[in-house]
PDB file of N, CA and C in Angstrom:
ATOM      1  N   MET A   1      49.915   1.255 -62.528  1.00  0.00           N
ATOM      2  CA  MET A   1      49.234   2.704 -62.512  1.00  0.00           C
ATOM      3  C   MET A   1      48.731   2.833 -61.096  1.00  0.00           C
ATOM      4  N   LEU A   2      48.920   4.156 -60.696  1.00  0.00           N
ATOM      5  CA  LEU A   2      49.020   4.479 -59.509  1.00  0.00           C
ATOM      6  C   LEU A   2      47.472   5.221 -59.489  1.00  0.00           C
ATOM      7  N   LEU A   3      46.766   5.204 -58.243  1.00  0.00           N
ATOM      8  CA  LEU A   3      45.566   5.671 -58.310  1.00  0.00           C
ATOM      9  C   LEU A   3      45.759   7.275 -57.367  1.00  0.00           C
ATOM     10  N   ARG A   4      45.033   8.082 -57.852  1.00  0.00           N
ATOM     11  CA  ARG A   4      45.129   9.533 -57.370  1.00  0.00           C
ATOM     12  C   ARG A   4      44.457   9.692 -56.155  1.00  0.00           C
ATOM     13  N   PRO A   5      44.558  10.411 -54.949  1.00  0.00           N
ATOM     14  CA  PRO A   5      43.692  10.582 -54.110  1.00  0.00           C
ATOM     15  C   PRO A   5      42.397  10.902 -54.268  1.00  0.00           C
ATOM     16  N   ARG A   6      42.224  11.708 -55.344  1.00  0.00           N
ATOM     17  CA  ARG A   6      40.870  12.141 -55.818  1.00  0.00           C
ATOM     18  C   ARG A   6      40.183  10.354 -56.109  1.00  0.00           C
ATOM     19  N   GLN A   7      40.777   9.711 -56.817  1.00  0.00           N
ATOM     20  CA  GLN A   7      39.854   8.451 -57.493  1.00  0.00           C
ATOM     21  C   GLN A   7      39.363   7.807 -55.771  1.00  0.00           C
ATOM     22  N   ILE A   8      40.495   7.810 -54.798  1.00  0.00           N
ATOM     23  CA  ILE A   8      40.626   6.767 -53.598  1.00  0.00           C
ATOM     24  C   ILE A   8      39.292   7.586 -52.604  1.00  0.00           C
ATOM     25  N   LEU A   9      39.387   8.965 -52.716  1.00  0.00           N
ATOM     26  CA  LEU A   9      38.436   9.776 -51.454  1.00  0.00           C
ATOM     27  C   LEU A   9      37.010   9.626 -51.818  1.00  0.00           C
ATOM     28  N   ALA A  10      36.494   9.024 -52.810  1.00  0.00           N
ATOM     29  CA  ALA A  10      34.834   9.043 -52.992  1.00  0.00           C
ATOM     30  C   ALA A  10      34.593   7.712 -52.454  1.00  0.00           C
ATOM     31  N   PRO A  11      35.385   6.643 -52.755  1.00  0.00           N
ATOM     32  CA  PRO A  11      34.756   5.556 -52.100  1.00  0.00           C
ATOM     33  C   PRO A  11      34.971   5.298 -50.751  1.00  0.00           C
ATOM     34  N   VAL A  12      36.037   6.220 -50.093  1.00  0.00           N
ATOM     35  CA  VAL A  12      36.407   5.904 -48.775  1.00  0.00           C
ATOM     36  C   VAL A  12      35.281   6.802 -48.267  1.00  0.00           C
ATOM     37  N   ILE A  13      34.785   7.887 -48.616  1.00  0.00           N
ATOM     38  CA  ILE A  13      33.997   8.753 -48.114  1.00  0.00           C
ATOM     39  C   ILE A  13      32.701   7.841 -47.855  1.00  0.00           C
ATOM     40  N   PHE A  14      32.081   7.361 -49.255  1.00  0.00           N
ATOM     41  CA  PHE A  14      31.143   6.471 -49.198  1.00  0.00           C
ATOM     42  C   PHE A  14      30.955   5.296 -48.231  1.00  0.00           C
ATOM     43  N   ALA A  15      32.236   4.670 -48.108  1.00  0.00           N
ATOM     44  CA  ALA A  15      32.141   3.513 -47.080  1.00  0.00           C
ATOM     45  C   ALA A  15      32.243   4.134 -45.460  1.00  0.00           C
ATOM     46  N   THR A  16      32.658   5.116 -45.245  1.00  0.00           N
ATOM     47  CA  THR A  16      32.710   5.733 -44.062  1.00  0.00           C
ATOM     48  C   THR A  16      31.195   6.223 -43.646  1.00  0.00           C
ATOM     49  N   VAL A  17      30.644   6.863 -44.716  1.00  0.00           N
ATOM     50  CA  VAL A  17      29.194   7.070 -44.314  1.00  0.00           C
ATOM     51  C   VAL A  17      28.300   6.050 -44.378  1.00  0.00           C
ATOM     52  N   PHE A  18      28.558   5.054 -45.149  1.00  0.00           N
ATOM     53  CA  PHE A  18      27.592   3.690 -45.059  1.00  0.00           C
ATOM     54  C   PHE A  18      28.054   2.800 -44.117  1.00  0.00           C
ATOM     55  N   GLY A  19      29.260   2.943 -43.442  1.00  0.00           N
ATOM     56  CA  GLY A  19      29.375   2.209 -41.782  1.00  0.00           C
ATOM     57  C   GLY A  19      28.765   2.991 -40.943  1.00  0.00           C
ATOM     58  N   TYR A  20      28.927   4.196 -41.031  1.00  0.00           N
ATOM     59  CA  TYR A  20      28.183   5.182 -39.667  1.00  0.00           C
ATOM     60  C   TYR A  20      26.810   4.919 -39.676  1.00  0.00           C
ATOM     61  N   PHE A  21      26.118   4.885 -40.929  1.00  0.00           N
ATOM     62  CA  PHE A  21      24.666   4.600 -41.066  1.00  0.00           C
ATOM     63  C   PHE A  21      24.173   3.214 -40.472  1.00  0.00           C
ATOM     64  N   GLY A  22      25.187   2.384 -41.239  1.00  0.00           N
ATOM     65  CA  GLY A  22      24.699   0.816 -40.764  1.00  0.00           C
ATOM     66  C   GLY A  22      24.743   0.537 -39.356  1.00  0.00           C
ATOM     67  N   TYR A  23      25.978   1.157 -38.900  1.00  0.00           N
ATOM     68  CA  TYR A  23      26.171   0.649 -37.349  1.00  0.00           C
ATOM     69  C   TYR A  23      24.956   1.223 -36.449  1.00  0.00           C
ATOM     70  N   HIS A  24      24.316   2.531 -36.641  1.00  0.00           N
ATOM     71  CA  HIS A  24      23.576   2.979 -36.162  1.00  0.00           C
ATOM     72  C   HIS A  24      21.959   2.527 -36.248  1.00  0.00           C
ATOM     73  N   LEU A  25      22.222   1.978 -37.761  1.00  0.00           N
ATOM     74  CA  LEU A  25      20.943   0.932 -37.914  1.00  0.00           C
ATOM     75  C   LEU A  25      20.803  -0.122 -37.123  1.00  0.00           C
ATOM     76  N   VAL A  26      21.843  -0.823 -36.602  1.00  0.00           N
ATOM     77  CA  VAL A  26      21.635  -1.693 -35.716  1.00  0.00           C
ATOM     78  C   VAL A  26      22.069  -1.589 -34.547  1.00  0.00           C
ATOM     79  N   ASN A  27      22.714  -0.789 -34.119  1.00  0.00           N
ATOM     80  CA  ASN A  27      23.182  -0.466 -32.503  1.00  0.00           C
ATOM     81  C   ASN A  27      22.415   0.986 -32.222  1.00  0.00           C
ATOM     82  N   GLY A  28      21.660   1.663 -32.713  1.00  0.00           N
ATOM     83  CA  GLY A  28      21.109   2.850 -32.483  1.00  0.00           C
ATOM     84  C   GLY A  28      20.384   3.003 -31.424  1.00  0.00           C
ATOM     85  N   ASP A  29      19.721   4.145 -30.858  1.00  0.00           N
ATOM     86  CA  ASP A  29      18.853   4.209 -30.182  1.00  0.00           C
ATOM     87  C   ASP A  29      17.469   3.666 -30.582  1.00  0.00           C
ATOM     88  N   ARG A  30      17.199   3.845 -31.970  1.00  0.00           N
ATOM     89  CA  ARG A  30      15.899   3.269 -32.511  1.00  0.00           C
ATOM     90  C   ARG A  30      16.270   2.173 -33.603  1.00  0.00           C
ATOM     91  N   GLY A  31      17.419   1.405 -33.105  1.00  0.00           N
ATOM     92  CA  GLY A  31      18.021   0.546 -34.185  1.00  0.00           C
ATOM     93  C   GLY A  31      17.040  -1.060 -34.112  1.00  0.00           C
ATOM     94  N   LEU A  32      17.931  -1.862 -34.620  1.00  0.00           N
ATOM     95  CA  LEU A  32      17.066  -3.058 -35.008  1.00  0.00           C
ATOM     96  C   LEU A  32      17.308  -3.930 -33.208  1.00  0.00           C
ATOM     97  N   LEU A  33      18.560  -3.371 -32.675  1.00  0.00           N
ATOM     98  CA  LEU A  33      18.469  -4.296 -31.225  1.00  0.00           C
ATOM     99  C   LEU A  33      17.625  -3.691 -30.089  1.00  0.00           C
ATOM    100  N   ALA A  34      17.577  -2.080 -30.453  1.00  0.00           N
ATOM    101  CA  ALA A  34      16.652  -1.605 -29.609  1.00  0.00           C
ATOM    102  C   ALA A  34      15.266  -1.893 -29.566  1.00  0.00           C
ATOM    103  N   MET A  35      14.680  -2.168 -31.213  1.00  0.00           N
ATOM    104  CA  MET A  35      13.491  -2.570 -31.449  1.00  0.00           C
ATOM    105  C   MET A  35      13.050  -3.977 -30.845  1.00  0.00           C
ATOM    106  N   ALA A  36      14.019  -4.974 -30.650  1.00  0.00           N
ATOM    107  CA  ALA A  36      13.993  -6.145 -30.271  1.00  0.00           C
ATOM    108  C   ALA A  36      13.557  -6.107 -28.832  1.00  0.00           C
ATOM    109  N   HIS A  37      14.722  -5.316 -28.207  1.00  0.00           N
ATOM    110  CA  HIS A  37      14.431  -5.197 -26.517  1.00  0.00           C
ATOM    111  C   HIS A  37      12.826  -4.742 -26.565  1.00  0.00           C
ATOM    112  N   LEU A  38      12.593  -3.483 -27.000  1.00  0.00           N
ATOM    113  CA  LEU A  38      10.934  -3.037 -27.004  1.00  0.00           C
ATOM    114  C   LEU A  38      10.049  -4.158 -27.299  1.00  0.00           C
ATOM    115  N   GLN A  39      10.119  -4.853 -28.134  1.00  0.00           N
ATOM    116  CA  GLN A  39       9.460  -6.081 -28.209  1.00  0.00           C
ATOM    117  C   GLN A  39       9.121  -7.200 -27.070  1.00  0.00           C
ATOM    118  N   ARG A  40      10.086  -7.202 -26.578  1.00  0.00           N
ATOM    119  CA  ARG A  40      10.081  -7.937 -25.428  1.00  0.00           C
ATOM    120  C   ARG A  40       9.510  -7.463 -24.224  1.00  0.00           C
ATOM    121  N   GLU A  41       9.658  -6.267 -23.977  1.00  0.00           N
ATOM    122  CA  GLU A  41       9.162  -5.256 -23.260  1.00  0.00           C
ATOM    123  C   GLU A  41       7.623  -5.295 -23.515  1.00  0.00           C
ATOM    124  N   VAL A  42       7.120  -5.272 -24.413  1.00  0.00           N
ATOM    125  CA  VAL A  42       5.613  -5.339 -24.912  1.00  0.00           C
ATOM    126  C   VAL A  42       4.964  -6.676 -24.795  1.00  0.00           C
ATOM    127  N   LEU A  43       5.798  -7.751 -24.904  1.00  0.00           N
ATOM    128  CA  LEU A  43       5.490  -8.962 -24.315  1.00  0.00           C
ATOM    129  C   LEU A  43       5.104  -9.162 -23.010  1.00  0.00           C
ATOM    130  N   ILE A  44       6.385  -8.718 -22.276  1.00  0.00           N
ATOM    131  CA  ILE A  44       5.970  -8.533 -20.683  1.00  0.00           C
ATOM    132  C   ILE A  44       4.663  -7.749 -20.501  1.00  0.00           C
ATOM    133  N   ALA A  45       4.692  -6.657 -20.988  1.00  0.00           N
ATOM    134  CA  ALA A  45       3.405  -6.070 -20.521  1.00  0.00           C
ATOM    135  C   ALA A  45       2.208  -6.572 -20.669  1.00  0.00           C
ATOM    136  N   GLU A  46       2.326  -6.989 -21.773  1.00  0.00           N
ATOM    137  CA  GLU A  46       1.164  -7.799 -22.179  1.00  0.00           C
ATOM    138  C   GLU A  46       0.791  -8.961 -21.383  1.00  0.00           C
ATOM    139  N   GLN A  47       1.578  -9.659 -20.869  1.00  0.00           N
ATOM    140  CA  GLN A  47       1.383 -10.690 -19.838  1.00  0.00           C
ATOM    141  C   GLN A  47       0.954 -10.156 -18.744  1.00  0.00           C
ATOM    142  N   ASN A  48       1.354  -9.221 -18.125  1.00  0.00           N
ATOM    143  CA  ASN A  48       1.262  -8.395 -16.913  1.00  0.00           C
ATOM    144  C   ASN A  48      -0.218  -7.933 -17.058  1.00  0.00           C
ATOM    145  N   LEU A  49      -0.948  -7.526 -18.016  1.00  0.00           N
ATOM    146  CA  LEU A  49      -1.858  -6.903 -18.371  1.00  0.00           C
ATOM    147  C   LEU A  49      -2.911  -7.993 -18.426  1.00  0.00           C
ATOM    148  N   ALA A  50      -2.605  -9.242 -18.980  1.00  0.00           N
ATOM    149  CA  ALA A  50      -3.355 -10.392 -18.941  1.00  0.00           C
ATOM    150  C   ALA A  50      -4.098 -10.675 -17.711  1.00  0.00           C
ATOM    151  N   GLU A  51      -2.832 -10.910 -16.796  1.00  0.00           N
ATOM    152  CA  GLU A  51      -2.710 -11.296 -15.543  1.00  0.00           C
ATOM    153  C   GLU A  51      -3.566 -10.387 -14.373  1.00  0.00           C
ATOM    154  N   ALA A  52      -3.552  -9.196 -14.893  1.00  0.00           N
ATOM    155  CA  ALA A  52      -4.299  -7.996 -13.972  1.00  0.00           C
ATOM    156  C   ALA A  52      -5.706  -8.097 -14.453  1.00  0.00           C
ATOM    157  N   GLU A  53      -6.060  -8.711 -15.907  1.00  0.00           N
ATOM    158  CA  GLU A  53      -7.260  -8.401 -15.904  1.00  0.00           C
ATOM    159  C   GLU A  53      -8.085  -9.642 -15.425  1.00  0.00           C
ATOM    160  N   ALA A  54      -7.025 -10.816 -15.504  1.00  0.00           N
ATOM    161  CA  ALA A  54      -7.780 -12.000 -14.878  1.00  0.00           C
ATOM    162  C   ALA A  54      -8.359 -11.806 -13.399  1.00  0.00           C
ATOM    163  N   THR A  55      -7.582 -11.442 -12.643  1.00  0.00           N
ATOM    164  CA  THR A  55      -7.655 -10.911 -11.248  1.00  0.00           C
ATOM    165  C   THR A  55      -8.521 -10.062 -10.875  1.00  0.00           C
ATOM    166  N   ARG A  56      -8.811  -9.025 -12.027  1.00  0.00           N
ATOM    167  CA  ARG A  56     -10.038  -8.045 -11.845  1.00  0.00           C
ATOM    168  C   ARG A  56     -11.059  -8.824 -12.031  1.00  0.00           C
ATOM    169  N   LYS A  57     -11.185  -9.523 -12.944  1.00  0.00           N
ATOM    170  CA  LYS A  57     -12.607 -10.515 -13.319  1.00  0.00           C
ATOM    171  C   LYS A  57     -13.027 -11.225 -11.889  1.00  0.00           C
ATOM    172  N   ILE A  58     -11.875 -11.812 -11.647  1.00  0.00           N
ATOM    173  CA  ILE A  58     -12.097 -12.266 -10.076  1.00  0.00           C
ATOM    174  C   ILE A  58     -12.583 -11.946  -9.063  1.00  0.00           C
ATOM    175  N   TRP A  59     -12.083 -10.406  -8.894  1.00  0.00           N
ATOM    176  CA  TRP A  59     -12.538  -9.405  -7.960  1.00  0.00           C
ATOM    177  C   TRP A  59     -14.152  -9.303  -8.030  1.00  0.00           C
ATOM    178  N   GLU A  60     -14.325  -8.732  -9.372  1.00  0.00           N
ATOM    179  CA  GLU A  60     -15.609  -8.212  -9.662  1.00  0.00           C
ATOM    180  C   GLU A  60     -16.500  -9.314  -9.479  1.00  0.00           C
ATOM    181  N   ARG A  61     -16.334 -10.538 -10.037  1.00  0.00           N
ATOM    182  CA  ARG A  61     -17.111 -11.555  -9.413  1.00  0.00           C
ATOM    183  C   ARG A  61     -17.379 -11.971  -8.133  1.00  0.00           C
ATOM    184  N   ARG A  62     -16.424 -11.645  -7.165  1.00  0.00           N
ATOM    185  CA  ARG A  62     -16.645 -11.307  -5.747  1.00  0.00           C
ATOM    186  C   ARG A  62     -17.636 -10.351  -5.150  1.00  0.00           C
ATOM    187  N   VAL A  63     -17.022  -9.274  -5.842  1.00  0.00           N
ATOM    188  CA  VAL A  63     -17.958  -8.144  -5.280  1.00  0.00           C
ATOM    189  C   VAL A  63     -19.300  -8.069  -6.174  1.00  0.00           C
ATOM    190  N   ALA A  64     -19.629  -8.870  -7.008  1.00  0.00           N
ATOM    191  CA  ALA A  64     -21.033  -8.919  -7.381  1.00  0.00           C
ATOM    192  C   ALA A  64     -22.001  -9.887  -6.499  1.00  0.00           C
ATOM    193  N   ALA A  65     -21.116 -10.684  -5.884  1.00  0.00           N
ATOM    194  CA  ALA A  65     -21.652 -11.774  -4.958  1.00  0.00           C
ATOM    195  C   ALA A  65     -22.350 -11.418  -3.778  1.00  0.00           C
ATOM    196  N   LEU A  66     -21.576  -9.989  -3.405  1.00  0.00           N
ATOM    197  CA  LEU A  66     -21.927  -9.070  -2.213  1.00  0.00           C
ATOM    198  C   LEU A  66     -23.102  -8.265  -2.565  1.00  0.00           C
ATOM    199  N   ARG A  67     -23.674  -7.938  -3.652  1.00  0.00           N
ATOM    200  CA  ARG A  67     -24.623  -7.175  -3.863  1.00  0.00           C
ATOM    201  C   ARG A  67     -25.965  -7.430  -3.179  1.00  0.00           C
ATOM    202  N   ASN A  68     -26.472  -6.503  -2.949  1.00  0.00           N
ATOM    203  CA  ASN A  68     -28.003  -6.774  -2.188  1.00  0.00           C
ATOM    204  C   ASN A  68     -28.622  -7.483  -2.983  1.00  0.00           C
ATOM    205  N   GLN A  69     -29.065  -7.606  -4.323  1.00  0.00           N
ATOM    206  CA  GLN A  69     -29.915  -8.450  -5.206  1.00  0.00           C
ATOM    207  C   GLN A  69     -29.685  -9.838  -5.215  1.00  0.00           C
ATOM    208  N   SER A  70     -28.036 -10.365  -4.549  1.00  0.00           N
ATOM    209  CA  SER A  70     -27.872 -11.731  -4.873  1.00  0.00           C
ATOM    210  C   SER A  70     -27.625 -12.508  -3.666  1.00  0.00           C
ATOM    211  N   LEU A  71     -27.496 -11.204  -2.420  1.00  0.00           N
ATOM    212  CA  LEU A  71     -27.068 -11.875  -1.191  1.00  0.00           C
ATOM    213  C   LEU A  71     -28.691 -12.310  -0.493  1.00  0.00           C
ATOM    214  N   GLU A  72     -28.277 -13.392   0.085  1.00  0.00           N
ATOM    215  CA  GLU A  72     -29.120 -14.245   1.258  1.00  0.00           C
ATOM    216  C   GLU A  72     -28.661 -13.837   2.740  1.00  0.00           C
ATOM    217  N   PRO A  73     -29.657 -13.184   3.478  1.00  0.00           N
ATOM    218  CA  PRO A  73     -29.246 -12.942   4.953  1.00  0.00           C
ATOM    219  C   PRO A  73     -28.865 -14.259   5.620  1.00  0.00           C
ATOM    220  N   ASP A  74     -29.386 -15.245   5.303  1.00  0.00           N
ATOM    221  CA  ASP A  74     -29.227 -16.629   6.091  1.00  0.00           C
ATOM    222  C   ASP A  74     -27.878 -17.217   5.587  1.00  0.00           C
ATOM    223  N   MET A  75     -27.636 -17.190   4.354  1.00  0.00           N
ATOM    224  CA  MET A  75     -26.589 -17.698   3.945  1.00  0.00           C
ATOM    225  C   MET A  75     -25.390 -16.876   4.509  1.00  0.00           C
ATOM    226  N   LEU A  76     -25.639 -15.484   4.702  1.00  0.00           N
ATOM    227  CA  LEU A  76     -24.138 -14.870   4.896  1.00  0.00           C
ATOM    228  C   LEU A  76     -24.305 -14.741   6.363  1.00  0.00           C
ATOM    229  N   ASP A  77     -25.291 -14.896   6.997  1.00  0.00           N
ATOM    230  CA  ASP A  77     -25.045 -15.257   8.744  1.00  0.00           C
ATOM    231  C   ASP A  77     -24.808 -16.592   9.247  1.00  0.00           C
ATOM    232  N   GLU A  78     -24.874 -17.594   8.550  1.00  0.00           N
ATOM    233  CA  GLU A  78     -24.172 -18.868   8.655  1.00  0.00           C
ATOM    234  C   GLU A  78     -22.745 -18.749   8.262  1.00  0.00           C
ATOM    235  N   ARG A  79     -22.376 -18.214   7.094  1.00  0.00           N
ATOM    236  CA  ARG A  79     -20.986 -18.178   6.788  1.00  0.00           C
ATOM    237  C   ARG A  79     -20.292 -17.419   7.597  1.00  0.00           C
ATOM    238  N   ALA A  80     -20.700 -16.401   8.150  1.00  0.00           N
ATOM    239  CA  ALA A  80     -19.966 -15.187   9.164  1.00  0.00           C
ATOM    240  C   ALA A  80     -19.879 -16.141  10.416  1.00  0.00           C
ATOM    241  N   ARG A  81     -20.830 -17.053  10.825  1.00  0.00           N
ATOM    242  CA  ARG A  81     -20.661 -17.795  12.075  1.00  0.00           C
ATOM    243  C   ARG A  81     -19.667 -18.841  12.152  1.00  0.00           C
ATOM    244  N   VAL A  82     -19.419 -19.288  10.872  1.00  0.00           N
ATOM    245  CA  VAL A  82     -18.603 -20.696  10.513  1.00  0.00           C
ATOM    246  C   VAL A  82     -17.183 -19.868  10.515  1.00  0.00           C
ATOM    247  N   LEU A  83     -16.891 -18.695   9.982  1.00  0.00           N
ATOM    248  CA  LEU A  83     -15.527 -18.256   9.786  1.00  0.00           C
ATOM    249  C   LEU A  83     -15.036 -17.380  11.018  1.00  0.00           C
ATOM    250  N   LEU A  84     -16.219 -16.873  11.925  1.00  0.00           N
ATOM    251  CA  LEU A  84     -15.924 -16.323  12.936  1.00  0.00           C
ATOM    252  C   LEU A  84     -15.771 -17.359  14.275  1.00  0.00           C
ATOM    253  N   ASN A  85     -16.173 -18.298  14.014  1.00  0.00           N
ATOM    254  CA  ASN A  85     -16.224 -19.669  14.982  1.00  0.00           C
ATOM    255  C   ASN A  85     -17.179 -18.878  16.283  1.00  0.00           C
ATOM    256  N   PHE A  86     -18.497 -18.150  15.839  1.00  0.00           N
ATOM    257  CA  PHE A  86     -19.404 -17.854  16.748  1.00  0.00           C
ATOM    258  C   PHE A  86     -20.914 -18.331  16.960  1.00  0.00           C
ATOM    259  N   SER A  87     -21.430 -18.769  17.914  1.00  0.00           N
ATOM    260  CA  SER A  87     -22.732 -19.243  17.988  1.00  0.00           C
ATOM    261  C   SER A  87     -23.797 -18.303  19.174  1.00  0.00           C
ATOM    262  N   ARG A  88     -24.686 -18.441  18.863  1.00  0.00           N
ATOM    263  CA  ARG A  88     -25.902 -17.838  19.958  1.00  0.00           C
ATOM    264  C   ARG A  88     -26.189 -18.802  20.844  1.00  0.00           C
ATOM    265  N   LYS A  89     -26.567 -18.210  22.119  1.00  0.00           N
ATOM    266  CA  LYS A  89     -26.865 -19.315  23.331  1.00  0.00           C
ATOM    267  C   LYS A  89     -27.901 -20.289  23.126  1.00  0.00           C
ATOM    268  N   ASP A  90     -28.785 -20.254  21.888  1.00  0.00           N
ATOM    269  CA  ASP A  90     -29.833 -21.168  21.603  1.00  0.00           C
ATOM    270  C   ASP A  90     -29.641 -21.719  20.571  1.00  0.00           C
ATOM    271  N   ASP A  91     -28.486 -21.760  19.937  1.00  0.00           N
ATOM    272  CA  ASP A  91     -27.957 -22.679  18.631  1.00  0.00           C
ATOM    273  C   ASP A  91     -27.567 -23.975  19.256  1.00  0.00           C
ATOM    274  N   ILE A  92     -27.863 -25.210  18.464  1.00  0.00           N
ATOM    275  CA  ILE A  92     -27.540 -26.774  18.693  1.00  0.00           C
ATOM    276  C   ILE A  92     -26.387 -26.821  18.058  1.00  0.00           C
ATOM    277  N   ILE A  93     -25.353 -26.982  18.731  1.00  0.00           N
ATOM    278  CA  ILE A  93     -24.183 -27.444  17.937  1.00  0.00           C
ATOM    279  C   ILE A  93     -24.056 -28.939  17.736  1.00  0.00           C
ATOM    280  N   VAL A  94     -23.608 -29.603  16.752  1.00  0.00           N
ATOM    281  CA  VAL A  94     -23.497 -31.013  16.337  1.00  0.00           C
ATOM    282  C   VAL A  94     -22.170 -30.994  15.684  1.00  0.00           C
ATOM    283  N   PHE A  95     -20.938 -31.843  16.536  1.00  0.00           N
ATOM    284  CA  PHE A  95     -20.158 -32.141  16.035  1.00  0.00           C
ATOM    285  C   PHE A  95     -19.813 -33.104  15.103  1.00  0.00           C
ATOM    286  N   MET A  96     -19.043 -33.248  14.059  1.00  0.00           N
ATOM    287  CA  MET A  96     -18.981 -34.262  13.160  1.00  0.00           C
ATOM    288  C   MET A  96     -17.595 -34.703  13.169  1.00  0.00           C
ATOM    289  N   PRO A  97     -17.627 -35.975  13.156  1.00  0.00           N
ATOM    290  CA  PRO A  97     -16.104 -36.643  13.557  1.00  0.00           C
ATOM    291  C   PRO A  97     -15.584 -36.622  12.299  1.00  0.00           C
ATOM    292  N   THR A  98     -13.959 -36.209  12.328  1.00  0.00           N
ATOM    293  CA  THR A  98     -13.590 -35.958  11.090  1.00  0.00           C
ATOM    294  C   THR A  98     -12.726 -37.345  10.732  1.00  0.00           C
ATOM    295  N   ARG A  99     -12.369 -37.879   9.447  1.00  0.00           N
ATOM    296  CA  ARG A  99     -11.558 -39.018   9.529  1.00  0.00           C
ATOM    297  C   ARG A  99     -10.347 -38.530   8.882  1.00  0.00           C
TER     298      ARG A  99
END
């Protein structure tokens, strides 16, 4: 029994169309592989955001400590002198031995 070309044509067209859409479902610009790649990028971006928020919170605490309401002039003066290695003429300096 020989198949006529018309009997073969419909399945071949269907297989071709199915193959075309199947290929683009997986490999297309909006396919499954592209979605997986975008999900990885979103994960990396969320991690970067979490790091940036943590850094921002640290800096917000540091800036809040410098506001006038919480700043003690004596403590600021003492800390500035230690960091700058500065003293006045009338200051008494006591050297502590280090071990």
